[in-house]
C-alpha atoms as a PDB file:
ATOM      1  CA  UNK A   1      -0.305   0.289  -0.123  1.00  0.00           C
ATOM      2  CA  UNK A   2       1.371   3.557  -0.658  1.00  0.00           C
ATOM      3  CA  UNK A   3      -0.743   7.007  -0.369  1.00  0.00           C
ATOM      4  CA  UNK A   4      -1.904   6.879  -3.827  1.00  0.00           C
ATOM      5  CA  UNK A   5      -3.461   4.006  -3.073  1.00  0.00           C
ATOM      6  CA  UNK A   6      -5.410   4.852   0.329  1.00  0.00           C
ATOM      7  CA  UNK A   7      -6.237   8.187  -1.325  1.00  0.00           C
ATOM      8  CA  UNK A   8      -7.917   6.426  -3.927  1.00  0.00           C
ATOM      9  CA  UNK A   9      -9.859   3.730  -1.502  1.00  0.00           C
ATOM     10  CA  UNK A  10     -11.085   6.957   0.433  1.00  0.00           C
ATOM     11  CA  UNK A  11     -11.950   8.897  -2.461  1.00  0.00           C
ATOM     12  CA  UNK A  12      -9.755  11.730  -1.511  1.00  0.00           C
ATOM     13  CA  UNK A  13      -6.536  13.414  -3.327  1.00  0.00           C
ATOM     14  CA  UNK A  14      -3.101  12.134  -2.214  1.00  0.00           C
ATOM     15  CA  UNK A  15      -2.681  15.830  -0.818  1.00  0.00           C
ATOM     16  CA  UNK A  16      -5.395  15.240   1.753  1.00  0.00           C
ATOM     17  CA  UNK A  17      -3.967  11.512   2.711  1.00  0.00           C
ATOM     18  CA  UNK A  18      -0.135  12.883   3.546  1.00  0.00           C
ATOM     19  CA  UNK A  19      -2.084  16.073   5.345  1.00  0.00           C
ATOM     20  CA  UNK A  20      -3.666  13.237   7.468  1.00  0.00           C
ATOM     21  CA  UNK A  21      -0.346  11.372   8.382  1.00  0.00           C
ATOM     22  CA  UNK A  22       1.495  14.723   9.226  1.00  0.00           C
ATOM     23  CA  UNK A  23      -1.615  16.468  10.990  1.00  0.00           C
ATOM     24  CA  UNK A  24      -2.164  19.508   8.715  1.00  0.00           C
ATOM     25  CA  UNK A  25      -5.878  20.258   7.971  1.00  0.00           C
ATOM     26  CA  UNK A  26      -8.797  18.586   6.155  1.00  0.00           C
ATOM     27  CA  UNK A  27     -11.955  18.453   6.336  1.00  0.00           C
ATOM     28  CA  UNK A  28     -13.682  16.076   9.384  1.00  0.00           C
ATOM     29  CA  UNK A  29     -15.511  14.121   6.179  1.00  0.00           C
ATOM     30  CA  UNK A  30     -12.054  13.614   4.784  1.00  0.00           C
ATOM     31  CA  UNK A  31     -10.208  13.038   7.841  1.00  0.00           C
ATOM     32  CA  UNK A  32     -12.852  10.217   8.608  1.00  0.00           C
ATOM     33  CA  UNK A  33     -12.958   8.375   5.194  1.00  0.00           C
ATOM     34  CA  UNK A  34      -9.018   8.187   5.649  1.00  0.00           C
ATOM     35  CA  UNK A  35      -9.217   7.052   9.096  1.00  0.00           C
ATOM     36  CA  UNK A  36     -11.392   4.252   8.143  1.00  0.00           C
ATOM     37  CA  UNK A  37      -9.270   3.009   5.383  1.00  0.00           C
ATOM     38  CA  UNK A  38      -5.759   2.745   7.330  1.00  0.00           C
ATOM     39  CA  UNK A  39      -8.107   0.885   9.792  1.00  0.00           C
ATOM     40  CA  UNK A  40      -9.518  -1.572   7.702  1.00  0.00           C
ATOM     41  CA  UNK A  41      -6.095  -1.794   5.919  1.00  0.00           C
ATOM     42  CA  UNK A  42      -3.196  -1.653   8.817  1.00  0.00           C
ATOM     43  CA  UNK A  43      -1.443   0.590   6.604  1.00  0.00           C
ATOM     44  CA  UNK A  44       1.270   2.537   8.482  1.00  0.00           C
ATOM     45  CA  UNK A  45       3.147   5.113   6.608  1.00  0.00           C
ATOM     46  CA  UNK A  46       7.146   4.659   6.590  1.00  0.00           C
ATOM     47  CA  UNK A  47       9.289   6.455   9.007  1.00  0.00           C
ATOM     48  CA  UNK A  48      12.451   6.543   6.735  1.00  0.00           C
ATOM     49  CA  UNK A  49      10.501   8.229   4.191  1.00  0.00           C
ATOM     50  CA  UNK A  50       8.440  10.645   6.291  1.00  0.00           C
ATOM     51  CA  UNK A  51      12.156  11.347   7.989  1.00  0.00           C
ATOM     52  CA  UNK A  52      13.671  12.597   4.422  1.00  0.00           C
ATOM     53  CA  UNK A  53      10.873  14.404   3.674  1.00  0.00           C
ATOM     54  CA  UNK A  54      10.399  16.605   6.914  1.00  0.00           C
ATOM     55  CA  UNK A  55      13.600  16.217   8.500  1.00  0.00           C
ATOM     56  CA  UNK A  56      11.742  15.274  11.537  1.00  0.00           C
ATOM     57  CA  UNK A  57      12.417  11.821  13.495  1.00  0.00           C
ATOM     58  CA  UNK A  58       9.617  12.153  15.981  1.00  0.00           C
ATOM     59  CA  UNK A  59      11.815  10.835  18.544  1.00  0.00           C
ATOM     60  CA  UNK A  60      13.573  12.275  21.298  1.00  0.00           C
ATOM     61  CA  UNK A  61      16.586  11.076  23.029  1.00  0.00           C
ATOM     62  CA  UNK A  62      16.402  10.842  27.014  1.00  0.00           C
ATOM     63  CA  UNK A  63      20.134  10.496  28.550  1.00  0.00           C
ATOM     64  CA  UNK A  64      19.922   9.161  32.043  1.00  0.00           C
ATOM     65  CA  UNK A  65      22.681   7.966  34.550  1.00  0.00           C
ATOM     66  CA  UNK A  66      21.092   5.191  35.616  1.00  0.00           C
ATOM     67  CA  UNK A  67      18.076   2.985  35.823  1.00  0.00           C
ATOM     68  CA  UNK A  68      18.432   1.588  39.336  1.00  0.00           C
ATOM     69  CA  UNK A  69      17.218   4.711  40.847  1.00  0.00           C
ATOM     70  CA  UNK A  70      13.902   5.955  42.328  1.00  0.00           C
ATOM     71  CA  UNK A  71      14.252   9.375  41.206  1.00  0.00           C
ATOM     72  CA  UNK A  72      15.189   9.108  37.542  1.00  0.00           C
ATOM     73  CA  UNK A  73      12.421   6.196  37.473  1.00  0.00           C
ATOM     74  CA  UNK A  74      10.033   9.155  38.579  1.00  0.00           C
ATOM     75  CA  UNK A  75      11.591  11.843  35.939  1.00  0.00           C
ATOM     76  CA  UNK A  76      11.089   9.081  32.943  1.00  0.00           C
ATOM     77  CA  UNK A  77       7.430   8.576  34.043  1.00  0.00           C
ATOM     78  CA  UNK A  78       6.742  12.259  33.883  1.00  0.00           C
ATOM     79  CA  UNK A  79       8.242  12.446  30.102  1.00  0.00           C
ATOM     80  CA  UNK A  80       6.556   9.170  29.426  1.00  0.00           C
ATOM     81  CA  UNK A  81       3.450  10.542  30.641  1.00  0.00           C
ATOM     82  CA  UNK A  82       3.604  13.250  28.118  1.00  0.00           C
ATOM     83  CA  UNK A  83       5.306  11.712  25.179  1.00  0.00           C
ATOM     84  CA  UNK A  84       2.566   8.948  25.099  1.00  0.00           C
ATOM     85  CA  UNK A  85       0.068  11.454  24.516  1.00  0.00           C
ATOM     86  CA  UNK A  86       2.073  12.858  21.575  1.00  0.00           C
ATOM     87  CA  UNK A  87       3.241  11.903  17.988  1.00  0.00           C
ATOM     88  CA  UNK A  88       6.576  11.603  19.666  1.00  0.00           C
ATOM     89  CA  UNK A  89       8.381   8.243  21.037  1.00  0.00           C
ATOM     90  CA  UNK A  90      11.680   8.466  23.353  1.00  0.00           C
ATOM     91  CA  UNK A  91      14.758   6.587  22.915  1.00  0.00           C
ATOM     92  CA  UNK A  92      16.540   5.804  26.195  1.00  0.00           C
ATOM     93  CA  UNK A  93      20.487   5.806  27.186  1.00  0.00           C
ATOM     94  CA  UNK A  94      21.876   4.999  30.102  1.00  0.00           C
ATOM     95  CA  UNK A  95      25.216   5.966  30.859  1.00  0.00           C
ATOM     96  CA  UNK A  96      25.897   3.729  34.016  1.00  0.00           C
ATOM     97  CA  UNK A  97      27.298   6.829  35.520  1.00  0.00           C
ATOM     98  CA  UNK A  98      29.818   7.326  33.010  1.00  0.00           C
ATOM     99  CA  UNK A  99      30.475  11.074  32.073  1.00  0.00           C
ATOM    100  CA  UNK A 100      32.505  10.087  28.741  1.00  0.00           C
ATOM    101  CA  UNK A 101      29.293   7.342  27.818  1.00  0.00           C
ATOM    102  CA  UNK A 102      26.921  10.824  28.562  1.00  0.00           C
ATOM    103  CA  UNK A 103      29.340  12.857  26.324  1.00  0.00           C
ATOM    104  CA  UNK A 104      29.106   9.784  23.668  1.00  0.00           C
ATOM    105  CA  UNK A 105      25.347   9.810  23.481  1.00  0.00           C
ATOM    106  CA  UNK A 106      25.130  13.633  23.424  1.00  0.00           C
ATOM    107  CA  UNK A 107      27.085  13.481  20.258  1.00  0.00           C
ATOM    108  CA  UNK A 108      25.403  10.912  18.576  1.00  0.00           C
ATOM    109  CA  UNK A 109      21.945  12.361  19.564  1.00  0.00           C
ATOM    110  CA  UNK A 110      23.354  15.233  17.449  1.00  0.00           C
ATOM    111  CA  UNK A 111      23.834  13.821  14.552  1.00  0.00           C
ATOM    112  CA  UNK A 112      19.983  13.971  13.798  1.00  0.00           C
ATOM    113  CA  UNK A 113      19.200  10.504  15.331  1.00  0.00           C
ATOM    114  CA  UNK A 114      16.439  12.552  17.190  1.00  0.00           C
ATOM    115  CA  UNK A 115      14.682  15.725  17.515  1.00  0.00           C
ATOM    116  CA  UNK A 116      15.211  16.635  20.863  1.00  0.00           C
ATOM    117  CA  UNK A 117      17.371  15.752  23.646  1.00  0.00           C
ATOM    118  CA  UNK A 118      16.496  15.514  27.744  1.00  0.00           C
ATOM    119  CA  UNK A 119      19.390  14.804  29.427  1.00  0.00           C
ATOM    120  CA  UNK A 120      19.052  14.072  33.132  1.00  0.00           C
ATOM    121  CA  UNK A 121      22.427  15.274  34.616  1.00  0.00           C
ATOM    122  CA  UNK A 122      24.535  14.738  37.174  1.00  0.00           C
ATOM    123  CA  UNK A 123      28.012  16.551  36.470  1.00  0.00           C
ATOM    124  CA  UNK A 124      29.255  18.669  34.074  1.00  0.00           C
ATOM    125  CA  UNK A 125      32.962  18.512  32.446  1.00  0.00           C
ATOM    126  CA  UNK A 126      34.457  20.789  30.154  1.00  0.00           C
ATOM    127  CA  UNK A 127      33.819  18.278  27.552  1.00  0.00           C
ATOM    128  CA  UNK A 128      29.699  18.456  28.186  1.00  0.00           C
ATOM    129  CA  UNK A 129      29.904  21.998  27.972  1.00  0.00           C
ATOM    130  CA  UNK A 130      31.556  21.655  24.557  1.00  0.00           C
ATOM    131  CA  UNK A 131      29.212  19.666  23.289  1.00  0.00           C
ATOM    132  CA  UNK A 132      26.310  21.281  24.963  1.00  0.00           C
ATOM    133  CA  UNK A 133      27.746  24.194  23.209  1.00  0.00           C
ATOM    134  CA  UNK A 134      27.550  23.050  19.479  1.00  0.00           C
ATOM    135  CA  UNK A 135      24.374  20.976  19.264  1.00  0.00           C
ATOM    136  CA  UNK A 136      22.401  20.784  16.891  1.00  0.00           C
ATOM    137  CA  UNK A 137      19.162  19.912  17.926  1.00  0.00           C
ATOM    138  CA  UNK A 138      17.645  21.568  21.189  1.00  0.00           C
ATOM    139  CA  UNK A 139      18.560  20.027  24.528  1.00  0.00           C
ATOM    140  CA  UNK A 140      16.457  20.486  28.254  1.00  0.00           C
ATOM    141  CA  UNK A 141      18.313  19.658  31.384  1.00  0.00           C
ATOM    142  CA  UNK A 142      16.662  17.648  34.137  1.00  0.00           C
ATOM    143  CA  UNK A 143      18.186  18.004  38.128  1.00  0.00           C
ATOM    144  CA  UNK A 144      21.181  20.240  37.563  1.00  0.00           C
ATOM    145  CA  UNK A 145      21.232  24.175  37.001  1.00  0.00           C
ATOM    146  CA  UNK A 146      23.282  25.033  33.832  1.00  0.00           C
ATOM    147  CA  UNK A 147      23.066  28.885  32.751  1.00  0.00           C
ATOM    148  CA  UNK A 148      22.417  29.197  29.635  1.00  0.00           C
ATOM    149  CA  UNK A 149      20.026  26.420  28.797  1.00  0.00           C
ATOM    150  CA  UNK A 150      16.472  25.428  29.626  1.00  0.00           C
ATOM    151  CA  UNK A 151      16.741  23.597  32.791  1.00  0.00           C
ATOM    152  CA  UNK A 152      14.031  22.255  35.419  1.00  0.00           C
ATOM    153  CA  UNK A 153      15.738  21.867  38.489  1.00  0.00           C
ATOM    154  CA  UNK A 154      14.976  21.025  42.640  1.00  0.00           C
ATOM    155  CA  UNK A 155      15.356  23.699  45.342  1.00  0.00           C
ATOM    156  CA  UNK A 156      18.297  21.442  46.946  1.00  0.00           C
ATOM    157  CA  UNK A 157      19.864  23.629  49.090  1.00  0.00           C
ATOM    158  CA  UNK A 158      16.725  24.889  51.083  1.00  0.00           C
ATOM    159  CA  UNK A 159      15.109  21.644  51.291  1.00  0.00           C
ATOM    160  CA  UNK A 160      18.785  20.233  53.145  1.00  0.00           C
ATOM    161  CA  UNK A 161      18.792  23.764  55.076  1.00  0.00           C
ATOM    162  CA  UNK A 162      14.975  23.335  56.313  1.00  0.00           C
ATOM    163  CA  UNK A 163      15.699  19.689  57.418  1.00  0.00           C
ATOM    164  CA  UNK A 164      18.922  20.041  58.957  1.00  0.00           C
ATOM    165  CA  UNK A 165      17.460  23.041  60.960  1.00  0.00           C
ATOM    166  CA  UNK A 166      14.391  20.725  61.715  1.00  0.00           C
ATOM    167  CA  UNK A 167      16.547  18.079  63.244  1.00  0.00           C
ATOM    168  CA  UNK A 168      18.248  20.768  65.392  1.00  0.00           C
ATOM    169  CA  UNK A 169      15.016  21.726  66.730  1.00  0.00           C
ATOM    170  CA  UNK A 170      14.086  18.318  67.384  1.00  0.00           C
ATOM    171  CA  UNK A 171      17.332  18.423  69.925  1.00  0.00           C
ATOM    172  CA  UNK A 172      19.510  16.566  67.946  1.00  0.00           C
ATOM    173  CA  UNK A 173      22.456  19.015  68.696  1.00  0.00           C
ATOM    174  CA  UNK A 174      25.143  16.551  67.375  1.00  0.00           C
ATOM    175  CA  UNK A 175      24.384  15.674  63.876  1.00  0.00           C
ATOM    176  CA  UNK A 176      26.509  14.513  61.283  1.00  0.00           C
ATOM    177  CA  UNK A 177      26.426  14.493  57.262  1.00  0.00           C
ATOM    178  CA  UNK A 178      26.594  11.616  54.509  1.00  0.00           C
ATOM    179  CA  UNK A 179      26.790  13.457  51.229  1.00  0.00           C
ATOM    180  CA  UNK A 180      27.720  13.058  47.495  1.00  0.00           C
ATOM    181  CA  UNK A 181      30.347  14.029  45.571  1.00  0.00           C
ATOM    182  CA  UNK A 182      30.619  17.795  45.090  1.00  0.00           C
ATOM    183  CA  UNK A 183      31.082  17.283  41.117  1.00  0.00           C
ATOM    184  CA  UNK A 184      27.390  16.799  41.422  1.00  0.00           C
ATOM    185  CA  UNK A 185      25.834  20.293  42.041  1.00  0.00           C
ATOM    186  CA  UNK A 186      22.746  19.617  42.529  1.00  0.00           C
ATOM    187  CA  UNK A 187      22.898  16.454  45.265  1.00  0.00           C
ATOM    188  CA  UNK A 188      26.330  17.051  46.074  1.00  0.00           C
ATOM    189  CA  UNK A 189      27.051  20.495  46.451  1.00  0.00           C
ATOM    190  CA  UNK A 190      23.526  22.251  47.328  1.00  0.00           C
ATOM    191  CA  UNK A 191      22.526  19.806  49.816  1.00  0.00           C
ATOM    192  CA  UNK A 192      25.641  20.225  51.706  1.00  0.00           C
ATOM    193  CA  UNK A 193      25.995  23.447  51.265  1.00  0.00           C
ATOM    194  CA  UNK A 194      22.349  23.670  53.000  1.00  0.00           C
ATOM    195  CA  UNK A 195      23.718  21.411  55.525  1.00  0.00           C
ATOM    196  CA  UNK A 196      26.278  23.806  56.145  1.00  0.00           C
ATOM    197  CA  UNK A 197      24.708  27.246  56.458  1.00  0.00           C
ATOM    198  CA  UNK A 198      22.346  25.408  58.598  1.00  0.00           C
ATOM    199  CA  UNK A 199      24.291  24.545  61.126  1.00  0.00           C
ATOM    200  CA  UNK A 200      26.100  27.928  60.894  1.00  0.00           C
ATOM    201  CA  UNK A 201      23.001  29.828  61.343  1.00  0.00           C
ATOM    202  CA  UNK A 202      21.903  27.675  64.510  1.00  0.00           C
ATOM    203  CA  UNK A 203      25.202  28.345  66.261  1.00  0.00           C
ATOM    204  CA  UNK A 204      26.692  24.518  65.874  1.00  0.00           C
ATOM    205  CA  UNK A 205      28.869  25.425  63.236  1.00  0.00           C
ATOM    206  CA  UNK A 206      31.471  22.879  64.796  1.00  0.00           C
ATOM    207  CA  UNK A 207      29.326  20.319  62.989  1.00  0.00           C
ATOM    208  CA  UNK A 208      30.077  20.933  59.715  1.00  0.00           C
ATOM    209  CA  UNK A 209      33.257  18.597  59.826  1.00  0.00           C
ATOM    210  CA  UNK A 210      31.144  15.832  60.563  1.00  0.00           C
ATOM    211  CA  UNK A 211      30.817  14.832  57.108  1.00  0.00           C
ATOM    212  CA  UNK A 212      31.758  12.539  54.544  1.00  0.00           C
ATOM    213  CA  UNK A 213      31.089  11.456  51.022  1.00  0.00           C
ATOM    214  CA  UNK A 214      29.081   8.280  50.067  1.00  0.00           C
ATOM    215  CA  UNK A 215      28.020   6.748  46.636  1.00  0.00           C
ATOM    216  CA  UNK A 216      24.385   6.166  45.621  1.00  0.00           C
ATOM    217  CA  UNK A 217      23.864   2.757  47.153  1.00  0.00           C
ATOM    218  CA  UNK A 218      22.692   0.970  50.791  1.00  0.00           C
ATOM    219  CA  UNK A 219      26.080  -0.535  50.957  1.00  0.00           C
ATOM    220  CA  UNK A 220      27.634   2.698  51.035  1.00  0.00           C
ATOM    221  CA  UNK A 221      25.479   4.189  53.028  1.00  0.00           C
ATOM    222  CA  UNK A 222      25.871   1.381  55.371  1.00  0.00           C
ATOM    223  CA  UNK A 223      30.031   1.915  55.201  1.00  0.00           C
ATOM    224  CA  UNK A 224      30.171   5.713  55.268  1.00  0.00           C
ATOM    225  CA  UNK A 225      27.318   5.383  58.775  1.00  0.00           C
ATOM    226  CA  UNK A 226      30.505   3.412  60.244  1.00  0.00           C
ATOM    227  CA  UNK A 227      33.517   6.251  59.072  1.00  0.00           C
ATOM    228  CA  UNK A 228      30.969   9.120  60.688  1.00  0.00           C
ATOM    229  CA  UNK A 229      31.173   7.720  64.287  1.00  0.00           C
ATOM    230  CA  UNK A 230      35.180   7.525  63.928  1.00  0.00           C
ATOM    231  CA  UNK A 231      34.637  11.425  62.974  1.00  0.00           C
ATOM    232  CA  UNK A 232      31.912  11.813  65.797  1.00  0.00           C
ATOM    233  CA  UNK A 233      31.129   9.082  68.067  1.00  0.00           C
ATOM    234  CA  UNK A 234      28.495  11.135  70.327  1.00  0.00           C
ATOM    235  CA  UNK A 235      26.447  11.792  67.026  1.00  0.00           C
ATOM    236  CA  UNK A 236      22.542  11.835  67.698  1.00  0.00           C
ATOM    237  CA  UNK A 237      21.591  12.602  64.355  1.00  0.00           C
ATOM    238  CA  UNK A 238      22.214  12.067  60.356  1.00  0.00           C
ATOM    239  CA  UNK A 239      20.906  13.574  57.383  1.00  0.00           C
ATOM    240  CA  UNK A 240      21.771  11.932  54.454  1.00  0.00           C
ATOM    241  CA  UNK A 241      21.698  13.546  50.602  1.00  0.00           C
ATOM    242  CA  UNK A 242      19.514  10.584  49.733  1.00  0.00           C
ATOM    243  CA  UNK A 243      17.158   8.039  50.830  1.00  0.00           C
ATOM    244  CA  UNK A 244      19.193   4.951  49.875  1.00  0.00           C
ATOM    245  CA  UNK A 245      22.284   6.466  51.580  1.00  0.00           C
ATOM    246  CA  UNK A 246      19.705   7.011  54.436  1.00  0.00           C
ATOM    247  CA  UNK A 247      18.927   2.805  54.097  1.00  0.00           C
ATOM    248  CA  UNK A 248      22.386   1.972  54.369  1.00  0.00           C
ATOM    249  CA  UNK A 249      22.937   3.934  57.469  1.00  0.00           C
ATOM    250  CA  UNK A 250      20.081   2.543  59.460  1.00  0.00           C
ATOM    251  CA  UNK A 251      21.095  -0.758  58.438  1.00  0.00           C
ATOM    252  CA  UNK A 252      24.499  -0.276  59.940  1.00  0.00           C
ATOM    253  CA  UNK A 253      22.568   1.348  63.437  1.00  0.00           C
ATOM    254  CA  UNK A 254      20.158  -1.476  63.658  1.00  0.00           C
ATOM    255  CA  UNK A 255      23.422  -4.224  63.296  1.00  0.00           C
ATOM    256  CA  UNK A 256      25.026  -2.551  66.065  1.00  0.00           C
ATOM    257  CA  UNK A 257      22.108  -2.647  68.315  1.00  0.00           C
ATOM    258  CA  UNK A 258      21.355   1.447  67.893  1.00  0.00           C
ATOM    259  CA  UNK A 259      18.065   2.523  68.683  1.00  0.00           C
ATOM    260  CA  UNK A 260      16.770   4.705  65.669  1.00  0.00           C
ATOM    261  CA  UNK A 261      15.152   6.969  66.390  1.00  0.00           C
ATOM    262  CA  UNK A 262      15.788   7.189  70.205  1.00  0.00           C
ATOM    263  CA  UNK A 263      19.526   7.161  70.032  1.00  0.00           C
ATOM    264  CA  UNK A 264      19.993   8.398  66.262  1.00  0.00           C
ATOM    265  CA  UNK A 265      17.570   9.989  64.280  1.00  0.00           C
ATOM    266  CA  UNK A 266      17.898   9.559  60.144  1.00  0.00           C
ATOM    267  CA  UNK A 267      16.895  11.751  57.791  1.00  0.00           C
ATOM    268  CA  UNK A 268      17.389  11.179  53.921  1.00  0.00           C
ATOM    269  CA  UNK A 269      15.892  12.806  50.951  1.00  0.00           C
ATOM    270  CA  UNK A 270      13.902  12.076  47.998  1.00  0.00           C
ATOM    271  CA  UNK A 271      10.797  10.574  49.179  1.00  0.00           C
ATOM    272  CA  UNK A 272      11.136   7.480  47.704  1.00  0.00           C
ATOM    273  CA  UNK A 273       9.211   3.847  48.463  1.00  0.00           C
ATOM    274  CA  UNK A 274      12.228   3.035  50.316  1.00  0.00           C
ATOM    275  CA  UNK A 275      12.029   6.006  52.983  1.00  0.00           C
ATOM    276  CA  UNK A 276       8.268   4.567  53.934  1.00  0.00           C
ATOM    277  CA  UNK A 277       9.207   0.847  54.509  1.00  0.00           C
ATOM    278  CA  UNK A 278      12.463   1.264  56.494  1.00  0.00           C
ATOM    279  CA  UNK A 279      11.779   1.140  60.157  1.00  0.00           C
ATOM    280  CA  UNK A 280      10.972   3.418  61.584  1.00  0.00           C
ATOM    281  CA  UNK A 281       9.867   5.342  58.114  1.00  0.00           C
ATOM    282  CA  UNK A 282      12.899   7.918  57.388  1.00  0.00           C
ATOM    283  CA  UNK A 283      12.364  11.678  58.016  1.00  0.00           C
ATOM    284  CA  UNK A 284      12.580  12.918  54.198  1.00  0.00           C
ATOM    285  CA  UNK A 285      11.840  15.532  51.630  1.00  0.00           C
ATOM    286  CA  UNK A 286       9.488  15.362  48.795  1.00  0.00           C
ATOM    287  CA  UNK A 287      10.875  16.835  45.563  1.00  0.00           C
ATOM    288  CA  UNK A 288       8.612  16.837  42.308  1.00  0.00           C
ATOM    289  CA  UNK A 289      10.457  14.101  40.178  1.00  0.00           C
ATOM    290  CA  UNK A 290       7.924  13.270  37.950  1.00  0.00           C
ATOM    291  CA  UNK A 291       6.559  17.212  37.274  1.00  0.00           C
ATOM    292  CA  UNK A 292      10.394  17.987  36.221  1.00  0.00           C
ATOM    293  CA  UNK A 293       9.612  15.327  33.566  1.00  0.00           C
ATOM    294  CA  UNK A 294       6.600  16.526  32.537  1.00  0.00           C
ATOM    295  CA  UNK A 295       7.861  20.051  32.519  1.00  0.00           C
ATOM    296  CA  UNK A 296      11.024  19.280  30.456  1.00  0.00           C
ATOM    297  CA  UNK A 297       8.881  17.441  27.746  1.00  0.00           C
ATOM    298  CA  UNK A 298       6.854  20.621  27.367  1.00  0.00           C
ATOM    299  CA  UNK A 299       9.303  22.969  27.336  1.00  0.00           C
ATOM    300  CA  UNK A 300      11.297  20.874  24.523  1.00  0.00           C
ATOM    301  CA  UNK A 301       7.925  20.743  22.410  1.00  0.00           C
ATOM    302  CA  UNK A 302       7.730  24.336  22.659  1.00  0.00           C
ATOM    303  CA  UNK A 303      11.191  24.428  20.944  1.00  0.00           C
ATOM    304  CA  UNK A 304      10.392  22.109  18.579  1.00  0.00           C
ATOM    305  CA  UNK A 305       6.866  23.132  17.236  1.00  0.00           C
ATOM    306  CA  UNK A 306       7.544  27.422  17.677  1.00  0.00           C
ATOM    307  CA  UNK A 307      11.189  27.140  16.556  1.00  0.00           C
ATOM    308  CA  UNK A 308      12.698  28.861  19.082  1.00  0.00           C
ATOM    309  CA  UNK A 309      11.649  29.982  22.524  1.00  0.00           C
ATOM    310  CA  UNK A 310      13.256  32.092  25.421  1.00  0.00           C
ATOM    311  CA  UNK A 311      15.668  30.398  27.663  1.00  0.00           C
ATOM    312  CA  UNK A 312      14.065  28.883  30.556  1.00  0.00           C
ATOM    313  CA  UNK A 313      14.805  27.985  34.226  1.00  0.00           C
ATOM    314  CA  UNK A 314      12.612  26.272  36.526  1.00  0.00           C
ATOM    315  CA  UNK A 315      13.265  25.610  40.038  1.00  0.00           C
ATOM    316  CA  UNK A 316      10.658  23.151  41.823  1.00  0.00           C
ATOM    317  CA  UNK A 317       9.460  23.448  45.258  1.00  0.00           C
ATOM    318  CA  UNK A 318       9.963  20.271  47.846  1.00  0.00           C
ATOM    319  CA  UNK A 319       8.113  19.559  51.135  1.00  0.00           C
ATOM    320  CA  UNK A 320       9.559  17.689  54.180  1.00  0.00           C
ATOM    321  CA  UNK A 321       7.923  14.131  55.268  1.00  0.00           C
ATOM    322  CA  UNK A 322       7.919  13.943  58.910  1.00  0.00           C
ATOM    323  CA  UNK A 323       6.040  11.237  60.497  1.00  0.00           C
ATOM    324  CA  UNK A 324       8.545  11.215  63.855  1.00  0.00           C
ATOM    325  CA  UNK A 325       7.322  13.688  66.507  1.00  0.00           C
END
C-alpha cells in the first residue's frame, strides 16, 4: 500500500492523505474516510520516508545516568506521561554514571538521530559544555541548573537547609552528614551547602566537619555510617543526601544495636518507596520528580513547535515528610 492507493480507496486526493499523516488541516469528512481505510488496511506510513521529507524523526533522546534509581525512574515516568500522548517516541540512553558515555550519547543524538534531547544530568565537565554548545538539536536539562540552557531543577539547597534545621530543633545537636560528590552540583554541592549554612545559622558551626561522602547505594550508606562514627562518636542525628544512603545508614545502626530514633535520628532526601518501608519510616524530603519530567517535555515541545523559545529555568519546590514526632 502507498499514499496513492489509500487516497483512491478513501475517495480523496493524495495531498489530503499526506496532510492526514502530517497533522495538517483537512475536513472532518475526509479525515474520517481516510481513518476508516487506514484502519481496514492496517497501513502505516514509512518512518524513513517521513524523516527524509520533513527532516523530523519524531524521536526524543533521553539520557539518564542509571536506571536503578527511584528518582530517575519517576522523572522518566513524567516524561512518558506526556510523550505517550504525543506523536513522539523516546529513545532511552543509560550511561552507567560514565561522563564519557554521556558525552558520546550527546554527540550521537546530535547527528539528527533525534529531534531533541532531555538530559537527566549529574555532573557537567568541560567536555559536556563543549558538546552542548555545539548541539544542533535542542536540549533540556533535568535535575541540574546550567546557565544558558533550558533547565528544570529542584531547590536542593533550601530543602537540605530546612531538614537540618528541623533535626536541630528536635534536639539533635550533634549531627552528621552523609553526602554525595561535590561535582554533582545539585545532590552533592547544594544539599551539603544547605546543611553547612543551617548549622552555622543555628550556632552549631562545629558540626560541618562531621561530613563523609558516599556513592548512591545502600552499601555505601552503610559503610559511611561507620566512618561517621569514627569522626564523631557522640552523634545523635544523621542527614543523608538520598534515601538510599539513609537506608544503608539505618542498616548499620540496627546491626550495631543502636536504637532509631531514640539514640540516633536518621533523615534522607527523595521521598522514595524505600523511605516508607524502613523501620521506623525515614524523615525525608519530597521533590517533584515526575513534574520535572513533564515540564521538560513541554519545554522541549515548545522549542520544536515554535522553532525557538526563551531560555527558561524552572526551579521546583519541595516539602518535608516527617512521621516522627
